[in-house]
Amino acid sequence: MSIRKGKRKKKTSATGPQLSLNEELFRLISENAEDLIAVTDVSGKRVYASASYKSVLGRDVDALLGTDAFAEIHPEDRDRIKSLFEETVKTGKGARAEYRFVTEDGGIRYIESRGNAYRDTDGKVSGVVVISRDVTERRNYESRLRLLAHALSSTRDCFYLTDLKGKILLVNNSLFKTYGYSEEELVGADIALIHASANSRELISQIVPLTLKGGWHGELVDR
C-alpha cells in the first residue's frame, strides 16, 4: 500500500483587496466604538487613536498621533503603567490596568485598559494595541454607594432594602440590634421574619404596588 502525499498549502497573508477590506472594517469598528482604541509603537508613541478619545481627553484625535501615550496619565499612575507597557513589549503578553487620565481642562477620568502586543511578519513585537474604557461614572457610583452604606450603618433608625418579592437584600446595624437577628439570618429572608404580625404582613403586601406607583409613607407597628 502506498500513501499519497498531498501538497502543503502555503500560508498566505492578506494583500490587495483583502487588506483594503480589513483596513476598512477596522476603521468602521474603531470609529463607531465607545471604547477607546489606540495603537502605539514599542516606544509608546501613538500611531492610531479612535475618535472616541476626543470625548474623554477633549483633544482632536489628529493631534494625538505621534504623541506620547503616557502624557495624559496622572503623574501618580504613570510609572506603574509604563512598567506594564514595557513588560508587554518585552514578553508579548497582554496586561490589564486601571489608572487616571488628566483631561485638557484639568479634570480626572478613571480608565480601565488592556494592552496586547502585536507582531510583524517575523514574529517580533512591533507595537501594542490598547483597548480602554472610561469607568469614571462607575467609580463615582461605587463611591456614592460606599458613602451611603456608611451613613446607613451609622444611623440609629432601622433600615432594610428588599427586592420586589419582599426578600431582604441589605440591612443596617441598628436593625440587627433591634430585632436580634444576625446578617446571615436576615439577608435572603422574607421581610415577614421581621414583621411577623398579621396586620403588618397584610400592609406589606400593599406597600410594593404603592411604592411602584410613586411612593409610600407610613408606619408599621409590630405587636
C-alpha atoms as a PDB file:
ATOM      1  CA  MET A   1       0.000   0.000   0.000  1.00  0.00           C
ATOM      2  CA  SER A   2       1.337   3.384  -0.891  1.00  0.00           C
ATOM      3  CA  ILE A   3       0.418   6.639   0.761  1.00  0.00           C
ATOM      4  CA  ARG A   4      -0.057   9.596  -1.491  1.00  0.00           C
ATOM      5  CA  LYS A   5       1.285  12.750  -0.028  1.00  0.00           C
ATOM      6  CA  GLY A   6      -0.720  15.865  -0.666  1.00  0.00           C
ATOM      7  CA  LYS A   7       0.854  19.205  -1.292  1.00  0.00           C
ATOM      8  CA  ARG A   8       1.067  21.516   1.665  1.00  0.00           C
ATOM      9  CA  LYS A   9      -0.801  24.754   1.278  1.00  0.00           C
ATOM     10  CA  LYS A  10       1.359  27.799   1.571  1.00  0.00           C
ATOM     11  CA  LYS A  11       0.418  30.316   4.219  1.00  0.00           C
ATOM     12  CA  THR A  12      -0.863  33.486   2.707  1.00  0.00           C
ATOM     13  CA  SER A  13      -1.211  36.943   4.139  1.00  0.00           C
ATOM     14  CA  ALA A  14      -3.917  39.476   3.437  1.00  0.00           C
ATOM     15  CA  THR A  15      -2.912  41.572   0.443  1.00  0.00           C
ATOM     16  CA  GLY A  16      -4.563  43.711  -2.170  1.00  0.00           C
ATOM     17  CA  PRO A  17      -8.387  43.910  -1.933  1.00  0.00           C
ATOM     18  CA  GLN A  18      -8.460  41.699   1.180  1.00  0.00           C
ATOM     19  CA  LEU A  19      -6.084  44.013   3.042  1.00  0.00           C
ATOM     20  CA  SER A  20      -8.130  47.044   1.999  1.00  0.00           C
ATOM     21  CA  LEU A  21     -11.294  45.341   3.273  1.00  0.00           C
ATOM     22  CA  ASN A  22      -9.665  44.553   6.627  1.00  0.00           C
ATOM     23  CA  GLU A  23      -8.493  48.143   6.998  1.00  0.00           C
ATOM     24  CA  GLU A  24     -11.963  49.475   6.182  1.00  0.00           C
ATOM     25  CA  LEU A  25     -13.595  47.122   8.692  1.00  0.00           C
ATOM     26  CA  PHE A  26     -11.128  48.177  11.388  1.00  0.00           C
ATOM     27  CA  ARG A  27     -11.813  51.832  10.631  1.00  0.00           C
ATOM     28  CA  LEU A  28     -15.583  51.388  10.828  1.00  0.00           C
ATOM     29  CA  ILE A  29     -15.385  49.434  14.088  1.00  0.00           C
ATOM     30  CA  SER A  30     -12.972  51.807  15.801  1.00  0.00           C
ATOM     31  CA  GLU A  31     -14.727  54.992  14.712  1.00  0.00           C
ATOM     32  CA  ASN A  32     -18.092  53.778  15.973  1.00  0.00           C
ATOM     33  CA  ALA A  33     -16.931  52.094  19.184  1.00  0.00           C
ATOM     34  CA  GLU A  34     -17.478  53.797  22.528  1.00  0.00           C
ATOM     35  CA  ASP A  35     -14.315  52.174  23.857  1.00  0.00           C
ATOM     36  CA  LEU A  36     -11.004  53.963  23.365  1.00  0.00           C
ATOM     37  CA  ILE A  37      -8.780  52.190  20.847  1.00  0.00           C
ATOM     38  CA  ALA A  38      -5.129  53.161  20.454  1.00  0.00           C
ATOM     39  CA  VAL A  39      -2.176  51.616  18.638  1.00  0.00           C
ATOM     40  CA  THR A  40       1.351  52.514  19.715  1.00  0.00           C
ATOM     41  CA  ASP A  41       4.835  51.607  18.592  1.00  0.00           C
ATOM     42  CA  VAL A  42       7.222  49.913  21.018  1.00  0.00           C
ATOM     43  CA  SER A  43       8.325  53.264  22.428  1.00  0.00           C
ATOM     44  CA  GLY A  44       4.761  54.202  23.379  1.00  0.00           C
ATOM     45  CA  LYS A  45       4.151  56.740  20.590  1.00  0.00           C
ATOM     46  CA  ARG A  46       0.608  56.709  19.213  1.00  0.00           C
ATOM     47  CA  VAL A  47       0.267  55.686  15.580  1.00  0.00           C
ATOM     48  CA  TYR A  48      -3.535  55.456  15.807  1.00  0.00           C
ATOM     49  CA  ALA A  49      -6.259  56.735  18.132  1.00  0.00           C
ATOM     50  CA  SER A  50     -10.015  56.211  17.755  1.00  0.00           C
ATOM     51  CA  ALA A  51     -12.456  59.110  17.516  1.00  0.00           C
ATOM     52  CA  SER A  52     -13.788  58.284  20.998  1.00  0.00           C
ATOM     53  CA  TYR A  53     -10.646  59.766  22.572  1.00  0.00           C
ATOM     54  CA  LYS A  54     -11.915  63.280  21.934  1.00  0.00           C
ATOM     55  CA  SER A  55     -14.910  62.830  24.255  1.00  0.00           C
ATOM     56  CA  VAL A  56     -12.585  61.768  27.083  1.00  0.00           C
ATOM     57  CA  LEU A  57      -9.452  63.879  26.668  1.00  0.00           C
ATOM     58  CA  GLY A  58     -11.043  66.876  24.964  1.00  0.00           C
ATOM     59  CA  ARG A  59      -8.419  66.897  22.205  1.00  0.00           C
ATOM     60  CA  ASP A  60      -8.761  66.330  18.468  1.00  0.00           C
ATOM     61  CA  VAL A  61      -7.725  62.812  17.540  1.00  0.00           C
ATOM     62  CA  ASP A  62      -5.329  64.020  14.818  1.00  0.00           C
ATOM     63  CA  ALA A  63      -3.429  65.968  17.475  1.00  0.00           C
ATOM     64  CA  LEU A  64      -2.776  62.725  19.389  1.00  0.00           C
ATOM     65  CA  LEU A  65      -0.941  60.953  16.560  1.00  0.00           C
ATOM     66  CA  GLY A  66       2.785  60.736  17.210  1.00  0.00           C
ATOM     67  CA  THR A  67       2.385  61.833  20.830  1.00  0.00           C
ATOM     68  CA  ASP A  68       3.466  60.018  23.975  1.00  0.00           C
ATOM     69  CA  ALA A  69       0.624  57.698  25.070  1.00  0.00           C
ATOM     70  CA  PHE A  70       1.624  58.230  28.710  1.00  0.00           C
ATOM     71  CA  ALA A  71       1.488  62.033  28.634  1.00  0.00           C
ATOM     72  CA  GLU A  72      -2.160  62.282  29.750  1.00  0.00           C
ATOM     73  CA  ILE A  73      -1.816  59.664  32.505  1.00  0.00           C
ATOM     74  CA  HIS A  74      -1.890  61.068  36.032  1.00  0.00           C
ATOM     75  CA  PRO A  75       1.690  61.535  37.348  1.00  0.00           C
ATOM     76  CA  GLU A  76       0.982  59.229  40.302  1.00  0.00           C
ATOM     77  CA  ASP A  77      -0.034  56.393  37.927  1.00  0.00           C
ATOM     78  CA  ARG A  78       2.381  56.996  35.047  1.00  0.00           C
ATOM     79  CA  ASP A  79       5.413  54.945  36.163  1.00  0.00           C
ATOM     80  CA  ARG A  80       3.233  51.938  37.007  1.00  0.00           C
ATOM     81  CA  ILE A  81       1.541  51.971  33.598  1.00  0.00           C
ATOM     82  CA  LYS A  82       4.862  52.478  31.803  1.00  0.00           C
ATOM     83  CA  SER A  83       6.261  49.420  33.552  1.00  0.00           C
ATOM     84  CA  LEU A  84       3.269  47.316  32.461  1.00  0.00           C
ATOM     85  CA  PHE A  85       3.661  48.571  28.890  1.00  0.00           C
ATOM     86  CA  GLU A  86       7.368  47.735  28.812  1.00  0.00           C
ATOM     87  CA  GLU A  87       6.634  44.269  30.179  1.00  0.00           C
ATOM     88  CA  THR A  88       4.037  43.721  27.435  1.00  0.00           C
ATOM     89  CA  VAL A  89       6.578  44.729  24.764  1.00  0.00           C
ATOM     90  CA  LYS A  90       9.244  42.525  26.339  1.00  0.00           C
ATOM     91  CA  THR A  91       7.172  39.377  26.863  1.00  0.00           C
ATOM     92  CA  GLY A  92       4.420  39.787  24.274  1.00  0.00           C
ATOM     93  CA  LYS A  93       1.833  39.123  26.968  1.00  0.00           C
ATOM     94  CA  GLY A  94      -1.092  41.475  27.470  1.00  0.00           C
ATOM     95  CA  ALA A  95      -1.877  43.214  30.748  1.00  0.00           C
ATOM     96  CA  ARG A  96      -4.893  44.905  32.316  1.00  0.00           C
ATOM     97  CA  ALA A  97      -4.761  48.047  34.458  1.00  0.00           C
ATOM     98  CA  GLU A  98      -6.758  50.917  35.915  1.00  0.00           C
ATOM     99  CA  TYR A  99      -5.413  54.460  36.092  1.00  0.00           C
ATOM    100  CA  ARG A 100      -6.366  58.109  35.745  1.00  0.00           C
ATOM    101  CA  PHE A 101      -6.314  60.408  32.751  1.00  0.00           C
ATOM    102  CA  VAL A 102      -5.835  64.154  33.196  1.00  0.00           C
ATOM    103  CA  THR A 103      -8.065  65.857  30.627  1.00  0.00           C
ATOM    104  CA  GLU A 104      -7.396  69.029  28.644  1.00  0.00           C
ATOM    105  CA  ASP A 105      -9.320  71.131  31.185  1.00  0.00           C
ATOM    106  CA  GLY A 106      -7.571  69.547  34.177  1.00  0.00           C
ATOM    107  CA  GLY A 107     -10.337  67.091  35.042  1.00  0.00           C
ATOM    108  CA  ILE A 108      -9.789  63.486  36.115  1.00  0.00           C
ATOM    109  CA  ARG A 109     -11.192  60.456  34.265  1.00  0.00           C
ATOM    110  CA  TYR A 110     -10.797  56.893  35.519  1.00  0.00           C
ATOM    111  CA  ILE A 111      -9.726  54.482  32.779  1.00  0.00           C
ATOM    112  CA  GLU A 112      -9.696  50.692  32.572  1.00  0.00           C
ATOM    113  CA  SER A 113      -7.359  49.339  29.867  1.00  0.00           C
ATOM    114  CA  ARG A 114      -5.962  46.176  28.394  1.00  0.00           C
ATOM    115  CA  GLY A 115      -2.870  46.214  26.192  1.00  0.00           C
ATOM    116  CA  ASN A 116      -1.983  43.442  23.750  1.00  0.00           C
ATOM    117  CA  ALA A 117       1.223  43.175  21.775  1.00  0.00           C
ATOM    118  CA  TYR A 118       1.106  42.759  18.010  1.00  0.00           C
ATOM    119  CA  ARG A 119       3.905  41.279  15.926  1.00  0.00           C
ATOM    120  CA  ASP A 120       5.386  41.837  12.479  1.00  0.00           C
ATOM    121  CA  THR A 121       5.801  39.143   9.822  1.00  0.00           C
ATOM    122  CA  ASP A 122       8.973  37.936  11.541  1.00  0.00           C
ATOM    123  CA  GLY A 123       7.162  37.400  14.830  1.00  0.00           C
ATOM    124  CA  LYS A 124       8.809  40.340  16.567  1.00  0.00           C
ATOM    125  CA  VAL A 125       6.705  42.607  18.778  1.00  0.00           C
ATOM    126  CA  SER A 126       6.312  45.847  16.839  1.00  0.00           C
ATOM    127  CA  GLY A 127       3.716  47.654  18.925  1.00  0.00           C
ATOM    128  CA  VAL A 128       0.788  47.458  21.321  1.00  0.00           C
ATOM    129  CA  VAL A 129      -2.960  47.719  20.794  1.00  0.00           C
ATOM    130  CA  VAL A 130      -4.666  49.276  23.821  1.00  0.00           C
ATOM    131  CA  ILE A 131      -8.418  48.931  24.344  1.00  0.00           C
ATOM    132  CA  SER A 132      -9.669  51.225  27.102  1.00  0.00           C
ATOM    133  CA  ARG A 133     -12.943  52.170  28.741  1.00  0.00           C
ATOM    134  CA  ASP A 134     -13.909  55.267  30.680  1.00  0.00           C
ATOM    135  CA  VAL A 135     -15.157  53.939  34.038  1.00  0.00           C
ATOM    136  CA  THR A 136     -15.437  57.314  35.787  1.00  0.00           C
ATOM    137  CA  GLU A 137     -19.212  57.132  36.244  1.00  0.00           C
ATOM    138  CA  ARG A 138     -18.971  53.614  37.618  1.00  0.00           C
ATOM    139  CA  ARG A 139     -16.259  54.634  40.070  1.00  0.00           C
ATOM    140  CA  ASN A 140     -18.293  57.652  41.197  1.00  0.00           C
ATOM    141  CA  TYR A 141     -21.382  55.472  41.627  1.00  0.00           C
ATOM    142  CA  GLU A 142     -19.430  52.948  43.708  1.00  0.00           C
ATOM    143  CA  SER A 143     -18.060  55.798  45.829  1.00  0.00           C
ATOM    144  CA  ARG A 144     -21.573  57.126  46.469  1.00  0.00           C
ATOM    145  CA  LEU A 145     -22.722  53.640  47.419  1.00  0.00           C
ATOM    146  CA  ARG A 146     -19.902  53.338  49.954  1.00  0.00           C
ATOM    147  CA  LEU A 147     -20.838  56.704  51.482  1.00  0.00           C
ATOM    148  CA  LEU A 148     -24.490  55.675  51.604  1.00  0.00           C
ATOM    149  CA  ALA A 149     -23.618  52.359  53.219  1.00  0.00           C
ATOM    150  CA  HIS A 150     -21.525  54.173  55.835  1.00  0.00           C
ATOM    151  CA  ALA A 151     -24.348  56.620  56.557  1.00  0.00           C
ATOM    152  CA  LEU A 152     -26.920  53.835  56.884  1.00  0.00           C
ATOM    153  CA  SER A 153     -24.673  51.798  59.159  1.00  0.00           C
ATOM    154  CA  SER A 154     -24.251  54.831  61.437  1.00  0.00           C
ATOM    155  CA  THR A 155     -27.896  55.859  61.789  1.00  0.00           C
ATOM    156  CA  ARG A 156     -29.961  54.775  64.785  1.00  0.00           C
ATOM    157  CA  ASP A 157     -33.001  54.147  62.611  1.00  0.00           C
ATOM    158  CA  CYS A 158     -33.608  50.623  61.359  1.00  0.00           C
ATOM    159  CA  PHE A 159     -33.098  50.224  57.626  1.00  0.00           C
ATOM    160  CA  TYR A 160     -33.552  47.368  55.201  1.00  0.00           C
ATOM    161  CA  LEU A 161     -33.695  47.005  51.435  1.00  0.00           C
ATOM    162  CA  THR A 162     -35.793  44.348  49.703  1.00  0.00           C
ATOM    163  CA  ASP A 163     -36.489  43.159  46.173  1.00  0.00           C
ATOM    164  CA  LEU A 164     -39.972  43.324  44.666  1.00  0.00           C
ATOM    165  CA  LYS A 165     -40.861  39.959  46.169  1.00  0.00           C
ATOM    166  CA  GLY A 166     -40.067  41.071  49.718  1.00  0.00           C
ATOM    167  CA  LYS A 167     -36.728  39.279  50.046  1.00  0.00           C
ATOM    168  CA  ILE A 168     -34.243  41.198  52.205  1.00  0.00           C
ATOM    169  CA  LEU A 169     -31.134  42.377  50.308  1.00  0.00           C
ATOM    170  CA  LEU A 170     -29.494  44.743  52.792  1.00  0.00           C
ATOM    171  CA  VAL A 171     -29.877  45.683  56.462  1.00  0.00           C
ATOM    172  CA  ASN A 172     -28.070  48.090  58.794  1.00  0.00           C
ATOM    173  CA  ASN A 173     -26.558  47.594  62.248  1.00  0.00           C
ATOM    174  CA  SER A 174     -29.463  49.199  64.109  1.00  0.00           C
ATOM    175  CA  LEU A 175     -31.837  46.594  62.710  1.00  0.00           C
ATOM    176  CA  PHE A 176     -29.583  43.771  63.906  1.00  0.00           C
ATOM    177  CA  LYS A 177     -29.577  45.217  67.416  1.00  0.00           C
ATOM    178  CA  THR A 178     -33.326  45.894  67.470  1.00  0.00           C
ATOM    179  CA  TYR A 179     -34.522  42.510  66.234  1.00  0.00           C
ATOM    180  CA  GLY A 180     -31.672  40.329  67.478  1.00  0.00           C
ATOM    181  CA  TYR A 181     -31.014  38.564  64.186  1.00  0.00           C
ATOM    182  CA  SER A 182     -27.636  38.099  62.517  1.00  0.00           C
ATOM    183  CA  GLU A 183     -26.880  39.266  58.979  1.00  0.00           C
ATOM    184  CA  GLU A 184     -26.813  35.642  57.805  1.00  0.00           C
ATOM    185  CA  GLU A 185     -30.325  35.098  59.165  1.00  0.00           C
ATOM    186  CA  LEU A 186     -31.800  38.252  57.636  1.00  0.00           C
ATOM    187  CA  VAL A 187     -30.248  38.625  54.172  1.00  0.00           C
ATOM    188  CA  GLY A 188     -32.235  36.489  51.762  1.00  0.00           C
ATOM    189  CA  ALA A 189     -35.113  36.016  54.202  1.00  0.00           C
ATOM    190  CA  ASP A 190     -38.666  37.263  53.689  1.00  0.00           C
ATOM    191  CA  ILE A 191     -39.500  40.541  55.459  1.00  0.00           C
ATOM    192  CA  ALA A 192     -42.254  38.624  57.262  1.00  0.00           C
ATOM    193  CA  LEU A 193     -39.412  37.432  59.502  1.00  0.00           C
ATOM    194  CA  ILE A 194     -39.190  40.978  60.867  1.00  0.00           C
ATOM    195  CA  HIS A 195     -42.839  41.988  60.626  1.00  0.00           C
ATOM    196  CA  ALA A 196     -44.473  38.843  61.933  1.00  0.00           C
ATOM    197  CA  SER A 197     -47.886  40.197  62.926  1.00  0.00           C
ATOM    198  CA  ALA A 198     -50.864  39.553  60.634  1.00  0.00           C
ATOM    199  CA  ASN A 199     -51.581  43.280  60.273  1.00  0.00           C
ATOM    200  CA  SER A 200     -48.001  44.026  59.247  1.00  0.00           C
ATOM    201  CA  ARG A 201     -47.930  41.217  56.681  1.00  0.00           C
ATOM    202  CA  GLU A 202     -51.167  42.445  55.129  1.00  0.00           C
ATOM    203  CA  LEU A 203     -49.881  46.014  54.894  1.00  0.00           C
ATOM    204  CA  ILE A 204     -46.540  44.911  53.462  1.00  0.00           C
ATOM    205  CA  SER A 205     -48.333  43.138  50.611  1.00  0.00           C
ATOM    206  CA  GLN A 206     -49.724  46.548  49.624  1.00  0.00           C
ATOM    207  CA  ILE A 207     -46.534  48.570  50.076  1.00  0.00           C
ATOM    208  CA  VAL A 208     -44.694  47.297  46.978  1.00  0.00           C
ATOM    209  CA  PRO A 209     -47.510  48.135  44.493  1.00  0.00           C
ATOM    210  CA  LEU A 210     -47.926  51.561  46.116  1.00  0.00           C
ATOM    211  CA  THR A 211     -44.184  52.224  46.000  1.00  0.00           C
ATOM    212  CA  LEU A 212     -44.009  51.356  42.312  1.00  0.00           C
ATOM    213  CA  LYS A 213     -46.806  53.835  41.620  1.00  0.00           C
ATOM    214  CA  GLY A 214     -44.938  56.717  43.204  1.00  0.00           C
ATOM    215  CA  GLY A 215     -44.037  56.014  46.824  1.00  0.00           C
ATOM    216  CA  TRP A 216     -45.398  55.057  50.232  1.00  0.00           C
ATOM    217  CA  HIS A 217     -45.015  56.655  53.642  1.00  0.00           C
ATOM    218  CA  GLY A 218     -46.386  55.328  56.888  1.00  0.00           C
ATOM    219  CA  GLU A 219     -45.737  53.275  59.992  1.00  0.00           C
ATOM    220  CA  LEU A 220     -45.577  49.574  60.679  1.00  0.00           C
ATOM    221  CA  VAL A 221     -46.341  48.551  64.245  1.00  0.00           C
ATOM    222  CA  ASP A 222     -45.367  45.017  65.222  1.00  0.00           C
ATOM    223  CA  ARG A 223     -47.236  43.635  68.211  1.00  0.00           C
END
